Amino acid sequence: AMKIKPRSSLSGLFLSNCGPYDIPRRMIRGTVGWSGLFGFLDVRGFARENRLSLETAARRLRIKGLVEIAGEYGCDCVATAHQKDDNAETVVQRLARGTGIRGLGGIWPVKAFGRVRFIRPMLCVTRQEVIEYLKERGLQWRRDRTNADCTYRRNYIRHRLLPALQAGCAGSLVEQLYDLSR
């Protein structure tokens, strides 16, 4: 059975080390395992009630939670850290399940959820470029260990399928999928 990301004390530790930055932040506490900003979330119950996969249910609840937090702080915009590799994974995932031309657009740079716009200012850089930037400045980042679990479709695409496809490509597949999606 697929498991949702377990609550990690590393999430709390990482957020507590963000102290020098005046960023509103919260920590989830719950039995379902989603670790983030929104309080208790019954992802499994929500997935069951709405006949969704755990990944889709978690994504919908994350978006809902971010929209609620934006409203509490009077924000009309939320920035996420999606980058080119995330976009490549999204395009391949949509291709695998069957998509139209709209799905080939990958992760949209701007998308509205109600009155809140979600922006993705890092879609123009790769995961490796982000990591190099952080290293050069001595900044820490957090890697969720469940991202290595290939029982999740996106992780399988990230760790197995994209590298296999890249082996047969001239040039960067991530860049090619980025270009396709624009």
C-alpha atoms as a PDB file:
ATOM      1  CA  ALA A   1       0.000   0.000   0.000  1.00  0.00           C
ATOM      2  CA  MET A   2       1.216   3.461  -0.840  1.00  0.00           C
ATOM      3  CA  LYS A   3       2.050   5.625   2.150  1.00  0.00           C
ATOM      4  CA  ILE A   4       1.696   9.358   2.387  1.00  0.00           C
ATOM      5  CA  LYS A   5       4.788  11.240   3.577  1.00  0.00           C
ATOM      6  CA  PRO A   6       5.211  10.653   7.304  1.00  0.00           C
ATOM      7  CA  ARG A   7       5.466  13.682   9.574  1.00  0.00           C
ATOM      8  CA  SER A   8       9.115  14.356   9.983  1.00  0.00           C
ATOM      9  CA  SER A   9      10.860  16.092  12.852  1.00  0.00           C
ATOM     10  CA  LEU A  10      13.259  17.354  10.178  1.00  0.00           C
ATOM     11  CA  SER A  11      10.459  19.547   8.818  1.00  0.00           C
ATOM     12  CA  GLY A  12      10.053  21.206  12.200  1.00  0.00           C
ATOM     13  CA  LEU A  13      13.801  21.564  12.621  1.00  0.00           C
ATOM     14  CA  PHE A  14      14.157  23.092   9.156  1.00  0.00           C
ATOM     15  CA  LEU A  15      11.334  25.568   9.753  1.00  0.00           C
ATOM     16  CA  SER A  16      12.705  26.503  13.185  1.00  0.00           C
ATOM     17  CA  ASN A  17      16.058  27.336  11.539  1.00  0.00           C
ATOM     18  CA  CYS A  18      14.316  29.850   9.244  1.00  0.00           C
ATOM     19  CA  GLY A  19      14.159  32.260  12.182  1.00  0.00           C
ATOM     20  CA  PRO A  20      16.220  35.079  10.643  1.00  0.00           C
ATOM     21  CA  TYR A  21      13.641  35.394   7.873  1.00  0.00           C
ATOM     22  CA  ASP A  22      10.313  37.046   8.668  1.00  0.00           C
ATOM     23  CA  ILE A  23       8.246  34.370   6.937  1.00  0.00           C
ATOM     24  CA  PRO A  24       4.904  33.246   8.395  1.00  0.00           C
ATOM     25  CA  ARG A  25       5.195  29.511   8.937  1.00  0.00           C
ATOM     26  CA  ARG A  26       3.266  26.710  10.560  1.00  0.00           C
ATOM     27  CA  MET A  27       3.720  23.029  11.123  1.00  0.00           C
ATOM     28  CA  ILE A  28       1.200  20.278  10.554  1.00  0.00           C
ATOM     29  CA  ARG A  29       0.495  17.847  13.324  1.00  0.00           C
ATOM     30  CA  GLY A  30      -1.610  14.886  12.375  1.00  0.00           C
ATOM     31  CA  THR A  31      -1.778  11.140  12.077  1.00  0.00           C
ATOM     32  CA  VAL A  32      -2.044  11.048   8.306  1.00  0.00           C
ATOM     33  CA  GLY A  33       1.485  12.138   7.695  1.00  0.00           C
ATOM     34  CA  TRP A  34       1.360  15.252   5.577  1.00  0.00           C
ATOM     35  CA  SER A  35       4.025  17.533   6.937  1.00  0.00           C
ATOM     36  CA  GLY A  36       3.800  21.202   6.064  1.00  0.00           C
ATOM     37  CA  LEU A  37       2.054  24.425   6.940  1.00  0.00           C
ATOM     38  CA  PHE A  38      -1.633  23.706   7.360  1.00  0.00           C
ATOM     39  CA  GLY A  39      -2.459  21.947  10.639  1.00  0.00           C
ATOM     40  CA  PHE A  40      -4.164  18.554  10.777  1.00  0.00           C
ATOM     41  CA  LEU A  41      -5.073  17.072   7.411  1.00  0.00           C
ATOM     42  CA  ASP A  42      -6.837  13.759   6.996  1.00  0.00           C
ATOM     43  CA  VAL A  43      -5.427  13.002   3.565  1.00  0.00           C
ATOM     44  CA  ARG A  44      -6.486   9.362   3.569  1.00  0.00           C
ATOM     45  CA  GLY A  45     -10.053  10.245   4.543  1.00  0.00           C
ATOM     46  CA  PHE A  46     -10.206  13.013   1.943  1.00  0.00           C
ATOM     47  CA  ALA A  47      -8.849  10.628  -0.721  1.00  0.00           C
ATOM     48  CA  ARG A  48     -11.361   7.943   0.195  1.00  0.00           C
ATOM     49  CA  GLU A  49     -14.349  10.356   0.330  1.00  0.00           C
ATOM     50  CA  ASN A  50     -13.457  11.931  -3.020  1.00  0.00           C
ATOM     51  CA  ARG A  51     -12.179   8.777  -4.737  1.00  0.00           C
ATOM     52  CA  LEU A  52      -8.726  10.271  -5.334  1.00  0.00           C
ATOM     53  CA  SER A  53      -5.231   8.886  -5.197  1.00  0.00           C
ATOM     54  CA  LEU A  54      -3.290   9.845  -2.059  1.00  0.00           C
ATOM     55  CA  GLU A  55      -0.978  12.032  -4.163  1.00  0.00           C
ATOM     56  CA  THR A  56      -3.895  13.930  -5.747  1.00  0.00           C
ATOM     57  CA  ALA A  57      -5.670  14.304  -2.405  1.00  0.00           C
ATOM     58  CA  ALA A  58      -2.504  15.638  -0.767  1.00  0.00           C
ATOM     59  CA  ARG A  59      -1.965  18.126  -3.628  1.00  0.00           C
ATOM     60  CA  ARG A  60      -5.535  19.415  -3.407  1.00  0.00           C
ATOM     61  CA  LEU A  61      -5.324  19.807   0.365  1.00  0.00           C
ATOM     62  CA  ARG A  62      -1.945  21.580   0.083  1.00  0.00           C
ATOM     63  CA  ILE A  63      -3.399  24.066  -2.389  1.00  0.00           C
ATOM     64  CA  LYS A  64      -6.482  24.583  -0.230  1.00  0.00           C
ATOM     65  CA  GLY A  65      -4.285  25.153   2.824  1.00  0.00           C
ATOM     66  CA  LEU A  66      -2.026  27.624   1.035  1.00  0.00           C
ATOM     67  CA  VAL A  67      -5.044  29.549  -0.255  1.00  0.00           C
ATOM     68  CA  GLU A  68      -6.443  29.730   3.296  1.00  0.00           C
ATOM     69  CA  ILE A  69      -3.119  30.930   4.731  1.00  0.00           C
ATOM     70  CA  ALA A  70      -2.783  33.526   1.961  1.00  0.00           C
ATOM     71  CA  GLY A  71      -6.250  34.797   2.877  1.00  0.00           C
ATOM     72  CA  GLU A  72      -5.358  35.003   6.577  1.00  0.00           C
ATOM     73  CA  TYR A  73      -2.345  37.175   5.759  1.00  0.00           C
ATOM     74  CA  GLY A  74      -4.116  39.281   3.134  1.00  0.00           C
ATOM     75  CA  CYS A  75      -1.968  37.865   0.307  1.00  0.00           C
ATOM     76  CA  ASP A  76      -3.242  37.414  -3.217  1.00  0.00           C
ATOM     77  CA  CYS A  77      -0.173  35.517  -4.422  1.00  0.00           C
ATOM     78  CA  VAL A  78       1.708  32.379  -3.351  1.00  0.00           C
ATOM     79  CA  ALA A  79       5.163  31.576  -4.767  1.00  0.00           C
ATOM     80  CA  THR A  80       6.248  27.944  -5.006  1.00  0.00           C
ATOM     81  CA  ALA A  81       9.701  26.531  -5.713  1.00  0.00           C
ATOM     82  CA  HIS A  82       8.786  24.349  -8.706  1.00  0.00           C
ATOM     83  CA  GLN A  83      11.690  24.198 -11.164  1.00  0.00           C
ATOM     84  CA  LYS A  84      12.479  22.714 -14.585  1.00  0.00           C
ATOM     85  CA  ASP A  85      12.930  19.158 -13.323  1.00  0.00           C
ATOM     86  CA  ASP A  86       9.499  19.282 -11.642  1.00  0.00           C
ATOM     87  CA  ASN A  87       8.065  20.517 -14.929  1.00  0.00           C
ATOM     88  CA  ALA A  88       9.711  17.638 -16.854  1.00  0.00           C
ATOM     89  CA  GLU A  89       8.253  15.131 -14.391  1.00  0.00           C
ATOM     90  CA  THR A  90       4.806  16.705 -14.794  1.00  0.00           C
ATOM     91  CA  VAL A  91       4.925  16.590 -18.600  1.00  0.00           C
ATOM     92  CA  VAL A  92       6.037  12.926 -18.621  1.00  0.00           C
ATOM     93  CA  GLN A  93       3.439  11.984 -16.009  1.00  0.00           C
ATOM     94  CA  ARG A  94       0.691  13.608 -18.082  1.00  0.00           C
ATOM     95  CA  LEU A  95       1.948  11.935 -21.272  1.00  0.00           C
ATOM     96  CA  ALA A  96       1.901   8.552 -19.529  1.00  0.00           C
ATOM     97  CA  ARG A  97      -1.726   8.888 -18.490  1.00  0.00           C
ATOM     98  CA  GLY A  98      -2.818  10.462 -21.772  1.00  0.00           C
ATOM     99  CA  THR A  99      -3.043  14.194 -22.220  1.00  0.00           C
ATOM    100  CA  GLY A 100      -4.076  16.771 -24.722  1.00  0.00           C
ATOM    101  CA  ILE A 101      -2.178  19.839 -25.840  1.00  0.00           C
ATOM    102  CA  ARG A 102      -3.052  21.674 -22.606  1.00  0.00           C
ATOM    103  CA  GLY A 103      -1.370  18.980 -20.506  1.00  0.00           C
ATOM    104  CA  LEU A 104       1.824  19.359 -22.508  1.00  0.00           C
ATOM    105  CA  GLY A 105       2.023  22.858 -21.012  1.00  0.00           C
ATOM    106  CA  GLY A 106       3.490  21.307 -17.872  1.00  0.00           C
ATOM    107  CA  ILE A 107       3.447  23.403 -14.729  1.00  0.00           C
ATOM    108  CA  TRP A 108       1.916  26.771 -15.474  1.00  0.00           C
ATOM    109  CA  PRO A 109       4.056  29.746 -14.411  1.00  0.00           C
ATOM    110  CA  VAL A 110       0.919  31.442 -13.039  1.00  0.00           C
ATOM    111  CA  LYS A 111      -2.326  29.760 -12.055  1.00  0.00           C
ATOM    112  CA  ALA A 112      -5.230  31.128 -10.045  1.00  0.00           C
ATOM    113  CA  PHE A 113      -7.006  29.184  -7.324  1.00  0.00           C
ATOM    114  CA  GLY A 114      -9.938  31.395  -6.446  1.00  0.00           C
ATOM    115  CA  ARG A 115      -8.620  34.883  -5.785  1.00  0.00           C
ATOM    116  CA  VAL A 116      -5.082  33.640  -5.035  1.00  0.00           C
ATOM    117  CA  ARG A 117      -2.517  33.399  -7.822  1.00  0.00           C
ATOM    118  CA  PHE A 118       0.176  30.748  -7.539  1.00  0.00           C
ATOM    119  CA  ILE A 119       3.404  31.794  -9.222  1.00  0.00           C
ATOM    120  CA  ARG A 120       6.385  29.585 -10.036  1.00  0.00           C
ATOM    121  CA  PRO A 121       9.336  31.968 -10.472  1.00  0.00           C
ATOM    122  CA  MET A 122      11.914  29.150 -10.493  1.00  0.00           C
ATOM    123  CA  LEU A 123      10.574  27.231 -13.502  1.00  0.00           C
ATOM    124  CA  CYS A 124      13.446  28.650 -15.564  1.00  0.00           C
ATOM    125  CA  VAL A 125      16.165  26.880 -13.521  1.00  0.00           C
ATOM    126  CA  THR A 126      16.998  23.224 -12.923  1.00  0.00           C
ATOM    127  CA  ARG A 127      17.072  21.403  -9.607  1.00  0.00           C
ATOM    128  CA  GLN A 128      20.861  21.176  -9.888  1.00  0.00           C
ATOM    129  CA  GLU A 129      21.147  24.937 -10.454  1.00  0.00           C
ATOM    130  CA  VAL A 130      19.094  25.549  -7.306  1.00  0.00           C
ATOM    131  CA  ILE A 131      21.306  23.182  -5.301  1.00  0.00           C
ATOM    132  CA  GLU A 132      24.481  24.812  -6.633  1.00  0.00           C
ATOM    133  CA  TYR A 133      23.120  28.262  -5.735  1.00  0.00           C
ATOM    134  CA  LEU A 134      22.370  27.132  -2.177  1.00  0.00           C
ATOM    135  CA  LYS A 135      25.777  25.465  -1.778  1.00  0.00           C
ATOM    136  CA  GLU A 136      27.638  28.534  -3.046  1.00  0.00           C
ATOM    137  CA  ARG A 137      25.933  30.635  -0.380  1.00  0.00           C
ATOM    138  CA  GLY A 138      26.228  28.107   2.441  1.00  0.00           C
ATOM    139  CA  LEU A 139      22.440  27.790   2.688  1.00  0.00           C
ATOM    140  CA  GLN A 140      20.732  24.617   3.871  1.00  0.00           C
ATOM    141  CA  TRP A 141      17.836  22.892   2.203  1.00  0.00           C
ATOM    142  CA  ARG A 142      15.700  19.942   3.084  1.00  0.00           C
ATOM    143  CA  ARG A 143      15.329  16.721   1.141  1.00  0.00           C
ATOM    144  CA  ASP A 144      12.310  14.654   1.986  1.00  0.00           C
ATOM    145  CA  ARG A 145      13.529  11.067   2.172  1.00  0.00           C
ATOM    146  CA  THR A 146      10.199   9.795   0.819  1.00  0.00           C
ATOM    147  CA  ASN A 147      11.064  11.450  -2.507  1.00  0.00           C
ATOM    148  CA  ALA A 148      13.339   8.464  -3.091  1.00  0.00           C
ATOM    149  CA  ASP A 149      10.403   6.013  -2.788  1.00  0.00           C
ATOM    150  CA  CYS A 150       9.702   4.868  -6.341  1.00  0.00           C
ATOM    151  CA  THR A 151       6.310   3.414  -5.425  1.00  0.00           C
ATOM    152  CA  TYR A 152       5.082   6.974  -5.953  1.00  0.00           C
ATOM    153  CA  ARG A 153       4.576   7.579  -9.679  1.00  0.00           C
ATOM    154  CA  ARG A 154       6.346  10.949  -9.722  1.00  0.00           C
ATOM    155  CA  ASN A 155       9.368   9.509  -7.908  1.00  0.00           C
ATOM    156  CA  TYR A 156       9.511   6.601 -10.356  1.00  0.00           C
ATOM    157  CA  ILE A 157       9.503   9.114 -13.217  1.00  0.00           C
ATOM    158  CA  ARG A 158      12.179  11.229 -11.481  1.00  0.00           C
ATOM    159  CA  HIS A 159      14.570   8.440 -10.531  1.00  0.00           C
ATOM    160  CA  ARG A 160      14.018   5.739 -13.148  1.00  0.00           C
ATOM    161  CA  LEU A 161      12.122   6.828 -16.248  1.00  0.00           C
ATOM    162  CA  LEU A 162      13.679  10.255 -16.923  1.00  0.00           C
ATOM    163  CA  PRO A 163      17.266   8.982 -16.465  1.00  0.00           C
ATOM    164  CA  ALA A 164      16.525   6.054 -18.827  1.00  0.00           C
ATOM    165  CA  LEU A 165      15.051   8.413 -21.420  1.00  0.00           C
ATOM    166  CA  GLN A 166      17.942  10.868 -20.957  1.00  0.00           C
ATOM    167  CA  ALA A 167      20.432   8.096 -21.794  1.00  0.00           C
ATOM    168  CA  GLY A 168      19.035   7.999 -25.320  1.00  0.00           C
ATOM    169  CA  CYS A 169      18.727  11.743 -25.864  1.00  0.00           C
ATOM    170  CA  ALA A 170      20.978  14.277 -27.495  1.00  0.00           C
ATOM    171  CA  GLY A 171      21.054  17.243 -25.137  1.00  0.00           C
ATOM    172  CA  SER A 172      19.166  17.710 -21.904  1.00  0.00           C
ATOM    173  CA  LEU A 173      15.776  15.990 -21.785  1.00  0.00           C
ATOM    174  CA  VAL A 174      14.720  18.349 -18.966  1.00  0.00           C
ATOM    175  CA  GLU A 175      15.502  21.326 -21.215  1.00  0.00           C
ATOM    176  CA  GLN A 176      13.718  19.723 -24.176  1.00  0.00           C
ATOM    177  CA  LEU A 177      10.595  19.057 -22.109  1.00  0.00           C
ATOM    178  CA  TYR A 178      10.764  22.627 -20.766  1.00  0.00           C
ATOM    179  CA  ASP A 179      10.891  23.971 -24.319  1.00  0.00           C
ATOM    180  CA  LEU A 180       7.999  21.702 -25.333  1.00  0.00           C
ATOM    181  CA  SER A 181       5.889  22.930 -22.433  1.00  0.00           C
ATOM    182  CA  ARG A 182       6.357  26.630 -23.273  1.00  0.00           C
END
